[in-house]
Amino acid sequence: MLKMFIESLKNLVSEPETIKYPFAPSPEPKGYRGTIHYNEELCMFCDKCENICPPGAIKFVVVDYETGKKEYNYNPYLCIYCGACVRECPKAEEGCLVQVETRTPPLGRSVPKGKELGYFINRIEDPKEVESKWREIEELNIKTKEEYKAYKKAKRAQKAAAKAKSEE
């Protein structure tokens, strides 16, 4: 009983152990998995991150069929921050796809911007259009991948026909 009384007195005069949330942000725990950052110069467009992403927060859209160049689109509001895409990326050690210890701000009056977040989020001006624009990206992703596949198939057929013609 005496121990409890002494502990109570100590607590009355000491600084509280709690954080001052919502007036002060809570500190990030050690090993916090935050926003995914992307470096386009290092990307080899292997699509592994897109294929492994459980919620489908990463989508590539083919922009150039000749070179196979794709546009990285990332939706931080759909992401569950599991880190699967970073673990799957063959160039993650070089910094192509990394998970930083920062939070994406809540979707309110503005949308976060930055080259490292990809093309999608940088094109959004009104937070209310995030959902509808993401659906457009998903549809465009499917369409361009099918077109790219057909383009590659036609190129292979063209090469095969040219080879057969040269052998004659």
N, C-alpha and C. Protein backbone atom coordinates (compact mmCIF):
# COMPACT_ATOMS: atom_id res chain seq x y z
N MET A 1 0.82 -1.19 0.00
CA MET A 1 0.00 0.00 0.00
C MET A 1 0.87 1.26 0.00
N LEU A 2 1.94 1.21 0.75
CA LEU A 2 2.84 2.35 0.83
C LEU A 2 3.51 2.59 -0.53
N LYS A 3 3.89 1.49 -1.21
CA LYS A 3 4.52 1.60 -2.53
C LYS A 3 3.59 2.30 -3.52
N MET A 4 2.33 1.94 -3.48
CA MET A 4 1.36 2.52 -4.39
C MET A 4 1.17 4.01 -4.10
N PHE A 5 1.17 4.39 -2.84
CA PHE A 5 1.02 5.79 -2.47
C PHE A 5 2.22 6.61 -2.95
N ILE A 6 3.41 6.08 -2.80
CA ILE A 6 4.63 6.77 -3.25
C ILE A 6 4.62 6.90 -4.77
N GLU A 7 4.22 5.85 -5.46
CA GLU A 7 4.13 5.87 -6.94
C GLU A 7 3.11 6.91 -7.39
N SER A 8 2.01 7.03 -6.70
CA SER A 8 0.99 8.02 -7.03
C SER A 8 1.52 9.44 -6.88
N LEU A 9 2.28 9.69 -5.82
CA LEU A 9 2.87 11.01 -5.62
C LEU A 9 3.88 11.35 -6.71
N LYS A 10 4.69 10.37 -7.10
CA LYS A 10 5.66 10.58 -8.19
C LYS A 10 4.94 10.95 -9.48
N ASN A 11 3.86 10.27 -9.75
CA ASN A 11 3.10 10.53 -10.99
C ASN A 11 2.44 11.90 -10.99
N LEU A 12 2.11 12.43 -9.84
CA LEU A 12 1.49 13.75 -9.76
C LEU A 12 2.46 14.86 -10.17
N VAL A 13 3.74 14.68 -9.90
CA VAL A 13 4.71 15.75 -10.17
C VAL A 13 5.56 15.49 -11.41
N SER A 14 5.48 14.32 -11.99
CA SER A 14 6.31 14.02 -13.17
C SER A 14 5.57 14.36 -14.47
N GLU A 15 6.35 14.45 -15.55
CA GLU A 15 5.82 14.73 -16.89
C GLU A 15 5.00 13.51 -17.35
N PRO A 16 3.82 13.72 -17.97
CA PRO A 16 3.03 12.56 -18.41
C PRO A 16 3.74 11.77 -19.53
N GLU A 17 3.51 10.50 -19.56
CA GLU A 17 4.13 9.62 -20.54
C GLU A 17 3.37 9.60 -21.86
N THR A 18 2.18 10.15 -21.88
CA THR A 18 1.36 10.11 -23.08
C THR A 18 1.80 11.17 -24.09
N ILE A 19 1.37 10.98 -25.34
CA ILE A 19 1.67 11.97 -26.37
C ILE A 19 0.53 12.97 -26.43
N LYS A 20 0.78 14.10 -27.01
CA LYS A 20 -0.22 15.15 -27.05
C LYS A 20 -1.05 15.11 -28.34
N TYR A 21 -1.36 13.89 -28.80
CA TYR A 21 -2.17 13.73 -30.00
C TYR A 21 -3.56 14.25 -29.71
N PRO A 22 -4.21 14.95 -30.56
CA PRO A 22 -3.98 15.31 -31.95
C PRO A 22 -3.22 16.62 -32.13
N PHE A 23 -2.78 17.24 -31.04
CA PHE A 23 -2.08 18.53 -31.13
C PHE A 23 -0.64 18.36 -31.58
N ALA A 24 -0.06 17.22 -31.32
CA ALA A 24 1.31 16.92 -31.77
C ALA A 24 1.28 15.54 -32.42
N PRO A 25 1.97 15.38 -33.56
CA PRO A 25 1.94 14.07 -34.23
C PRO A 25 2.64 13.00 -33.38
N SER A 26 2.12 11.81 -33.45
CA SER A 26 2.74 10.72 -32.70
C SER A 26 4.04 10.30 -33.40
N PRO A 27 5.04 9.91 -32.62
CA PRO A 27 6.31 9.52 -33.24
C PRO A 27 6.15 8.19 -33.98
N GLU A 28 6.92 8.05 -35.04
CA GLU A 28 6.87 6.81 -35.82
C GLU A 28 7.57 5.69 -35.05
N PRO A 29 6.99 4.51 -34.98
CA PRO A 29 7.67 3.40 -34.32
C PRO A 29 8.88 2.95 -35.15
N LYS A 30 9.82 2.32 -34.49
CA LYS A 30 11.01 1.83 -35.18
C LYS A 30 10.58 0.80 -36.23
N GLY A 31 11.11 0.95 -37.45
CA GLY A 31 10.76 0.04 -38.54
C GLY A 31 9.43 0.35 -39.18
N TYR A 32 8.92 1.55 -38.99
CA TYR A 32 7.64 1.95 -39.57
C TYR A 32 7.69 1.85 -41.09
N ARG A 33 6.69 1.22 -41.68
CA ARG A 33 6.62 1.10 -43.14
C ARG A 33 5.70 2.18 -43.67
N GLY A 34 6.27 3.15 -44.33
CA GLY A 34 5.49 4.28 -44.81
C GLY A 34 5.30 4.27 -46.31
N THR A 35 5.20 5.45 -46.86
CA THR A 35 4.91 5.66 -48.28
C THR A 35 5.96 5.03 -49.18
N ILE A 36 5.51 4.51 -50.32
CA ILE A 36 6.40 3.92 -51.32
C ILE A 36 6.92 5.04 -52.23
N HIS A 37 8.23 5.13 -52.37
CA HIS A 37 8.83 6.10 -53.29
C HIS A 37 9.47 5.36 -54.45
N TYR A 38 9.39 5.96 -55.61
CA TYR A 38 9.79 5.33 -56.87
C TYR A 38 10.80 6.21 -57.60
N ASN A 39 11.82 5.57 -58.19
CA ASN A 39 12.81 6.28 -58.98
C ASN A 39 12.75 5.74 -60.41
N GLU A 40 12.17 6.53 -61.31
CA GLU A 40 11.92 6.08 -62.68
C GLU A 40 13.21 5.77 -63.45
N GLU A 41 14.28 6.49 -63.16
CA GLU A 41 15.53 6.28 -63.90
C GLU A 41 16.10 4.88 -63.67
N LEU A 42 15.81 4.28 -62.52
CA LEU A 42 16.35 2.96 -62.20
C LEU A 42 15.41 1.81 -62.60
N CYS A 43 14.17 2.13 -62.91
CA CYS A 43 13.17 1.09 -63.18
C CYS A 43 13.41 0.40 -64.52
N MET A 44 13.24 -0.92 -64.52
CA MET A 44 13.37 -1.68 -65.76
C MET A 44 12.01 -2.18 -66.25
N PHE A 45 10.93 -1.70 -65.64
CA PHE A 45 9.55 -1.97 -66.03
C PHE A 45 9.27 -3.47 -66.12
N CYS A 46 9.66 -4.20 -65.09
CA CYS A 46 9.45 -5.65 -65.07
C CYS A 46 8.04 -6.01 -64.60
N ASP A 47 7.32 -5.08 -64.03
CA ASP A 47 5.94 -5.25 -63.55
C ASP A 47 5.81 -6.16 -62.33
N LYS A 48 6.92 -6.53 -61.70
CA LYS A 48 6.84 -7.41 -60.53
C LYS A 48 6.12 -6.74 -59.37
N CYS A 49 6.38 -5.44 -59.18
CA CYS A 49 5.72 -4.73 -58.08
C CYS A 49 4.21 -4.65 -58.31
N GLU A 50 3.82 -4.46 -59.55
CA GLU A 50 2.39 -4.39 -59.87
C GLU A 50 1.72 -5.74 -59.65
N ASN A 51 2.38 -6.80 -60.05
CA ASN A 51 1.80 -8.14 -59.94
C ASN A 51 1.68 -8.62 -58.50
N ILE A 52 2.61 -8.20 -57.62
CA ILE A 52 2.62 -8.69 -56.24
C ILE A 52 1.75 -7.85 -55.30
N CYS A 53 1.40 -6.63 -55.69
CA CYS A 53 0.68 -5.69 -54.83
C CYS A 53 -0.72 -6.22 -54.47
N PRO A 54 -0.96 -6.57 -53.18
CA PRO A 54 -2.26 -7.15 -52.81
C PRO A 54 -3.48 -6.26 -53.12
N PRO A 55 -3.46 -4.96 -52.80
CA PRO A 55 -4.65 -4.17 -53.09
C PRO A 55 -4.68 -3.59 -54.49
N GLY A 56 -3.59 -3.75 -55.26
CA GLY A 56 -3.55 -3.19 -56.61
C GLY A 56 -3.30 -1.69 -56.60
N ALA A 57 -2.43 -1.23 -55.72
CA ALA A 57 -2.15 0.21 -55.59
C ALA A 57 -1.09 0.68 -56.59
N ILE A 58 -0.47 -0.24 -57.32
CA ILE A 58 0.53 0.11 -58.33
C ILE A 58 0.05 -0.38 -59.69
N LYS A 59 0.02 0.51 -60.65
CA LYS A 59 -0.39 0.16 -62.02
C LYS A 59 0.57 0.82 -63.00
N PHE A 60 1.00 0.06 -63.98
CA PHE A 60 1.82 0.60 -65.06
C PHE A 60 0.96 0.76 -66.30
N VAL A 61 1.13 1.88 -66.99
CA VAL A 61 0.43 2.14 -68.24
C VAL A 61 1.48 2.27 -69.32
N VAL A 62 1.35 1.50 -70.40
CA VAL A 62 2.32 1.54 -71.50
C VAL A 62 2.12 2.85 -72.26
N VAL A 63 3.21 3.62 -72.40
CA VAL A 63 3.12 4.90 -73.11
C VAL A 63 3.84 4.87 -74.45
N ASP A 64 4.77 3.92 -74.62
CA ASP A 64 5.49 3.83 -75.88
C ASP A 64 5.67 2.35 -76.23
N TYR A 65 4.99 1.91 -77.27
CA TYR A 65 5.03 0.50 -77.65
C TYR A 65 6.38 0.11 -78.25
N GLU A 66 7.05 1.01 -78.93
CA GLU A 66 8.34 0.73 -79.55
C GLU A 66 9.40 0.36 -78.51
N THR A 67 9.52 1.20 -77.48
CA THR A 67 10.55 0.97 -76.46
C THR A 67 10.04 0.18 -75.27
N GLY A 68 8.74 0.06 -75.13
CA GLY A 68 8.16 -0.64 -73.98
C GLY A 68 8.13 0.23 -72.74
N LYS A 69 8.30 1.54 -72.89
CA LYS A 69 8.30 2.46 -71.75
C LYS A 69 6.91 2.52 -71.14
N LYS A 70 6.92 2.49 -69.80
CA LYS A 70 5.65 2.51 -69.06
C LYS A 70 5.66 3.66 -68.05
N GLU A 71 4.47 4.03 -67.64
CA GLU A 71 4.27 5.08 -66.65
C GLU A 71 3.87 4.42 -65.33
N TYR A 72 4.59 4.75 -64.28
CA TYR A 72 4.31 4.23 -62.94
C TYR A 72 3.20 5.05 -62.30
N ASN A 73 2.14 4.38 -61.87
CA ASN A 73 1.03 5.04 -61.18
C ASN A 73 0.84 4.36 -59.84
N TYR A 74 0.86 5.16 -58.78
CA TYR A 74 0.77 4.65 -57.42
C TYR A 74 -0.31 5.41 -56.67
N ASN A 75 -1.19 4.68 -56.02
CA ASN A 75 -2.26 5.29 -55.24
C ASN A 75 -1.96 5.08 -53.76
N PRO A 76 -1.41 6.08 -53.08
CA PRO A 76 -1.07 5.91 -51.66
C PRO A 76 -2.28 5.72 -50.76
N TYR A 77 -3.46 6.06 -51.26
CA TYR A 77 -4.66 5.91 -50.45
C TYR A 77 -5.28 4.52 -50.59
N LEU A 78 -4.78 3.75 -51.51
CA LEU A 78 -5.22 2.37 -51.68
C LEU A 78 -4.18 1.41 -51.08
N CYS A 79 -2.96 1.87 -50.98
CA CYS A 79 -1.84 1.07 -50.48
C CYS A 79 -2.03 0.66 -49.03
N ILE A 80 -1.66 -0.58 -48.70
CA ILE A 80 -1.74 -1.06 -47.32
C ILE A 80 -0.35 -1.07 -46.67
N TYR A 81 0.65 -0.57 -47.37
CA TYR A 81 2.02 -0.42 -46.85
C TYR A 81 2.61 -1.72 -46.32
N CYS A 82 2.36 -2.80 -47.04
CA CYS A 82 2.87 -4.10 -46.62
C CYS A 82 4.33 -4.30 -46.99
N GLY A 83 4.81 -3.58 -48.00
CA GLY A 83 6.21 -3.67 -48.42
C GLY A 83 6.48 -4.81 -49.39
N ALA A 84 5.47 -5.52 -49.84
CA ALA A 84 5.66 -6.64 -50.76
C ALA A 84 6.29 -6.18 -52.07
N CYS A 85 5.89 -5.02 -52.55
CA CYS A 85 6.43 -4.50 -53.82
C CYS A 85 7.92 -4.20 -53.70
N VAL A 86 8.33 -3.67 -52.56
CA VAL A 86 9.74 -3.34 -52.34
C VAL A 86 10.56 -4.63 -52.26
N ARG A 87 10.04 -5.63 -51.56
CA ARG A 87 10.76 -6.91 -51.47
C ARG A 87 10.86 -7.60 -52.82
N GLU A 88 9.88 -7.43 -53.69
CA GLU A 88 9.86 -8.09 -55.00
C GLU A 88 10.71 -7.37 -56.04
N CYS A 89 10.93 -6.07 -55.86
CA CYS A 89 11.66 -5.26 -56.85
C CYS A 89 13.12 -5.72 -56.96
N PRO A 90 13.57 -6.06 -58.19
CA PRO A 90 14.96 -6.50 -58.35
C PRO A 90 15.98 -5.37 -58.16
N LYS A 91 15.55 -4.13 -58.22
CA LYS A 91 16.47 -3.02 -58.07
C LYS A 91 16.17 -2.19 -56.81
N ALA A 92 15.56 -2.80 -55.82
CA ALA A 92 15.22 -2.09 -54.59
C ALA A 92 16.47 -1.64 -53.83
N GLU A 93 17.51 -2.46 -53.85
CA GLU A 93 18.75 -2.10 -53.16
C GLU A 93 19.38 -0.85 -53.77
N GLU A 94 19.17 -0.65 -55.05
CA GLU A 94 19.72 0.51 -55.74
C GLU A 94 18.86 1.75 -55.54
N GLY A 95 17.64 1.58 -55.03
CA GLY A 95 16.77 2.71 -54.75
C GLY A 95 15.65 2.91 -55.75
N CYS A 96 15.35 1.91 -56.55
CA CYS A 96 14.27 2.04 -57.52
C CYS A 96 12.91 2.15 -56.83
N LEU A 97 12.66 1.28 -55.89
CA LEU A 97 11.42 1.27 -55.14
C LEU A 97 11.78 1.13 -53.66
N VAL A 98 11.47 2.13 -52.87
CA VAL A 98 11.81 2.10 -51.45
C VAL A 98 10.60 2.52 -50.62
N GLN A 99 10.61 2.07 -49.38
CA GLN A 99 9.55 2.43 -48.46
C GLN A 99 10.16 3.37 -47.42
N VAL A 100 9.70 4.61 -47.41
CA VAL A 100 10.26 5.62 -46.52
C VAL A 100 9.43 5.74 -45.25
N GLU A 101 10.02 6.28 -44.21
CA GLU A 101 9.33 6.39 -42.92
C GLU A 101 8.55 7.69 -42.81
N THR A 102 7.76 7.99 -43.82
CA THR A 102 6.88 9.16 -43.76
C THR A 102 5.46 8.70 -44.04
N ARG A 103 4.53 9.43 -43.51
CA ARG A 103 3.13 9.10 -43.71
C ARG A 103 2.56 9.91 -44.87
N THR A 104 1.62 9.33 -45.54
CA THR A 104 0.87 10.08 -46.54
C THR A 104 -0.20 10.86 -45.77
N PRO A 105 -0.28 12.16 -45.99
CA PRO A 105 -1.29 12.92 -45.24
C PRO A 105 -2.70 12.47 -45.60
N PRO A 106 -3.64 12.61 -44.68
CA PRO A 106 -5.01 12.20 -44.97
C PRO A 106 -5.57 12.95 -46.17
N LEU A 107 -6.43 12.29 -46.89
CA LEU A 107 -7.04 12.90 -48.07
C LEU A 107 -8.05 13.94 -47.59
N GLY A 108 -7.68 15.18 -47.73
CA GLY A 108 -8.54 16.26 -47.26
C GLY A 108 -8.71 17.30 -48.33
N ARG A 109 -8.13 18.45 -48.08
CA ARG A 109 -8.26 19.56 -49.03
C ARG A 109 -7.22 19.54 -50.12
N SER A 110 -6.12 18.84 -49.88
CA SER A 110 -5.07 18.79 -50.89
C SER A 110 -4.56 17.36 -51.04
N VAL A 111 -3.84 17.15 -52.12
CA VAL A 111 -3.27 15.84 -52.44
C VAL A 111 -1.75 16.01 -52.43
N PRO A 112 -1.01 15.06 -51.83
CA PRO A 112 0.45 15.20 -51.81
C PRO A 112 1.02 15.12 -53.22
N LYS A 113 2.07 15.87 -53.46
CA LYS A 113 2.72 15.88 -54.77
C LYS A 113 4.19 15.50 -54.62
N GLY A 114 4.76 15.00 -55.69
CA GLY A 114 6.17 14.65 -55.68
C GLY A 114 6.47 13.66 -56.78
N LYS A 115 7.60 13.85 -57.44
CA LYS A 115 8.00 12.97 -58.54
C LYS A 115 8.11 11.52 -58.08
N GLU A 116 8.53 11.33 -56.82
CA GLU A 116 8.74 9.99 -56.29
C GLU A 116 7.43 9.24 -56.04
N LEU A 117 6.29 9.91 -56.14
CA LEU A 117 5.00 9.26 -55.95
C LEU A 117 4.37 8.78 -57.25
N GLY A 118 5.01 9.06 -58.37
CA GLY A 118 4.51 8.59 -59.65
C GLY A 118 3.62 9.59 -60.35
N TYR A 119 3.09 9.17 -61.48
CA TYR A 119 2.32 10.07 -62.35
C TYR A 119 0.90 10.31 -61.85
N PHE A 120 0.25 9.29 -61.35
CA PHE A 120 -1.17 9.39 -60.99
C PHE A 120 -1.45 10.51 -59.99
N ILE A 121 -0.81 10.45 -58.85
CA ILE A 121 -1.13 11.38 -57.77
C ILE A 121 -0.75 12.81 -58.13
N ASN A 122 0.22 12.99 -59.01
CA ASN A 122 0.64 14.33 -59.42
C ASN A 122 -0.34 14.97 -60.41
N ARG A 123 -1.19 14.18 -61.00
CA ARG A 123 -2.19 14.70 -61.94
C ARG A 123 -3.50 15.08 -61.25
N ILE A 124 -3.68 14.67 -60.02
CA ILE A 124 -4.91 14.92 -59.29
C ILE A 124 -4.86 16.33 -58.68
N GLU A 125 -5.89 17.10 -58.93
CA GLU A 125 -5.99 18.44 -58.35
C GLU A 125 -7.02 18.48 -57.23
N ASP A 126 -8.14 17.82 -57.44
CA ASP A 126 -9.21 17.81 -56.45
C ASP A 126 -9.23 16.45 -55.74
N PRO A 127 -9.12 16.42 -54.42
CA PRO A 127 -9.12 15.15 -53.70
C PRO A 127 -10.34 14.27 -53.96
N LYS A 128 -11.44 14.89 -54.36
CA LYS A 128 -12.67 14.13 -54.61
C LYS A 128 -12.58 13.27 -55.86
N GLU A 129 -11.62 13.56 -56.73
CA GLU A 129 -11.52 12.80 -57.98
C GLU A 129 -10.53 11.64 -57.93
N VAL A 130 -9.94 11.37 -56.77
CA VAL A 130 -8.96 10.30 -56.65
C VAL A 130 -9.55 8.96 -57.05
N GLU A 131 -10.72 8.64 -56.52
CA GLU A 131 -11.33 7.34 -56.79
C GLU A 131 -11.69 7.15 -58.27
N SER A 132 -12.33 8.14 -58.86
CA SER A 132 -12.75 8.02 -60.26
C SER A 132 -11.55 7.98 -61.20
N LYS A 133 -10.54 8.79 -60.90
CA LYS A 133 -9.33 8.81 -61.75
C LYS A 133 -8.57 7.49 -61.62
N TRP A 134 -8.59 6.87 -60.42
CA TRP A 134 -7.90 5.59 -60.26
C TRP A 134 -8.60 4.50 -61.08
N ARG A 135 -9.93 4.55 -61.14
CA ARG A 135 -10.65 3.59 -61.98
C ARG A 135 -10.25 3.75 -63.44
N GLU A 136 -10.08 4.99 -63.88
CA GLU A 136 -9.63 5.25 -65.25
C GLU A 136 -8.24 4.67 -65.49
N ILE A 137 -7.35 4.82 -64.51
CA ILE A 137 -5.99 4.27 -64.62
C ILE A 137 -6.05 2.74 -64.72
N GLU A 138 -6.91 2.11 -63.93
CA GLU A 138 -7.03 0.65 -63.98
C GLU A 138 -7.52 0.19 -65.35
N GLU A 139 -8.49 0.88 -65.90
CA GLU A 139 -9.00 0.53 -67.24
C GLU A 139 -7.93 0.77 -68.31
N LEU A 140 -7.22 1.88 -68.20
CA LEU A 140 -6.15 2.19 -69.14
C LEU A 140 -5.01 1.18 -69.04
N ASN A 141 -4.74 0.71 -67.83
CA ASN A 141 -3.72 -0.30 -67.61
C ASN A 141 -4.05 -1.58 -68.38
N ILE A 142 -5.27 -2.03 -68.26
CA ILE A 142 -5.71 -3.25 -68.96
C ILE A 142 -5.66 -3.05 -70.47
N LYS A 143 -6.18 -1.94 -70.94
CA LYS A 143 -6.24 -1.65 -72.37
C LYS A 143 -4.84 -1.57 -72.99
N THR A 144 -3.94 -0.81 -72.36
CA THR A 144 -2.60 -0.64 -72.95
C THR A 144 -1.79 -1.93 -72.90
N LYS A 145 -2.00 -2.74 -71.87
CA LYS A 145 -1.28 -4.02 -71.81
C LYS A 145 -1.74 -4.97 -72.92
N GLU A 146 -3.03 -4.98 -73.18
CA GLU A 146 -3.54 -5.82 -74.27
C GLU A 146 -3.04 -5.32 -75.62
N GLU A 147 -3.05 -4.01 -75.82
CA GLU A 147 -2.55 -3.43 -77.07
C GLU A 147 -1.06 -3.70 -77.24
N TYR A 148 -0.30 -3.60 -76.15
CA TYR A 148 1.14 -3.85 -76.20
C TYR A 148 1.42 -5.31 -76.53
N LYS A 149 0.64 -6.20 -75.95
CA LYS A 149 0.79 -7.63 -76.24
C LYS A 149 0.51 -7.91 -77.72
N ALA A 150 -0.55 -7.30 -78.26
CA ALA A 150 -0.90 -7.46 -79.67
C ALA A 150 0.20 -6.86 -80.56
N TYR A 151 0.75 -5.72 -80.15
CA TYR A 151 1.83 -5.08 -80.91
C TYR A 151 3.06 -5.99 -80.97
N LYS A 152 3.43 -6.56 -79.83
CA LYS A 152 4.59 -7.46 -79.79
C LYS A 152 4.35 -8.71 -80.63
N LYS A 153 3.14 -9.23 -80.59
CA LYS A 153 2.79 -10.40 -81.38
C LYS A 153 2.89 -10.09 -82.87
N ALA A 154 2.38 -8.93 -83.27
CA ALA A 154 2.46 -8.52 -84.68
C ALA A 154 3.90 -8.32 -85.11
N LYS A 155 4.73 -7.76 -84.24
CA LYS A 155 6.16 -7.57 -84.55
C LYS A 155 6.86 -8.92 -84.73
N ARG A 156 6.56 -9.88 -83.87
CA ARG A 156 7.15 -11.22 -83.99
C ARG A 156 6.73 -11.88 -85.30
N ALA A 157 5.45 -11.74 -85.64
CA ALA A 157 4.95 -12.31 -86.89
C ALA A 157 5.62 -11.64 -88.08
N GLN A 158 5.81 -10.35 -87.99
CA GLN A 158 6.47 -9.59 -89.05
C GLN A 158 7.91 -10.07 -89.23
N LYS A 159 8.62 -10.27 -88.13
CA LYS A 159 10.00 -10.76 -88.18
C LYS A 159 10.07 -12.17 -88.76
N ALA A 160 9.13 -13.00 -88.34
CA ALA A 160 9.10 -14.39 -88.82
C ALA A 160 8.83 -14.41 -90.32
N ALA A 161 7.94 -13.55 -90.80
CA ALA A 161 7.61 -13.48 -92.22
C ALA A 161 8.83 -12.97 -93.01
N ALA A 162 9.53 -11.98 -92.45
CA ALA A 162 10.71 -11.45 -93.12
C ALA A 162 11.82 -12.50 -93.17
N LYS A 163 11.96 -13.28 -92.11
CA LYS A 163 12.97 -14.33 -92.06
C LYS A 163 12.63 -15.44 -93.07
N ALA A 164 11.36 -15.82 -93.12
CA ALA A 164 10.93 -16.86 -94.07
C ALA A 164 11.12 -16.39 -95.50
N LYS A 165 10.86 -15.12 -95.75
CA LYS A 165 11.03 -14.57 -97.10
C LYS A 165 12.51 -14.51 -97.49
N SER A 166 13.39 -14.20 -96.52
CA SER A 166 14.81 -14.12 -96.83
C SER A 166 15.42 -15.52 -97.04
N GLU A 167 14.83 -16.53 -96.44
CA GLU A 167 15.32 -17.91 -96.60
C GLU A 167 14.93 -18.50 -97.95
N GLU A 168 13.94 -17.94 -98.61
CA GLU A 168 13.47 -18.46 -99.90
C GLU A 168 14.40 -18.17 -101.02
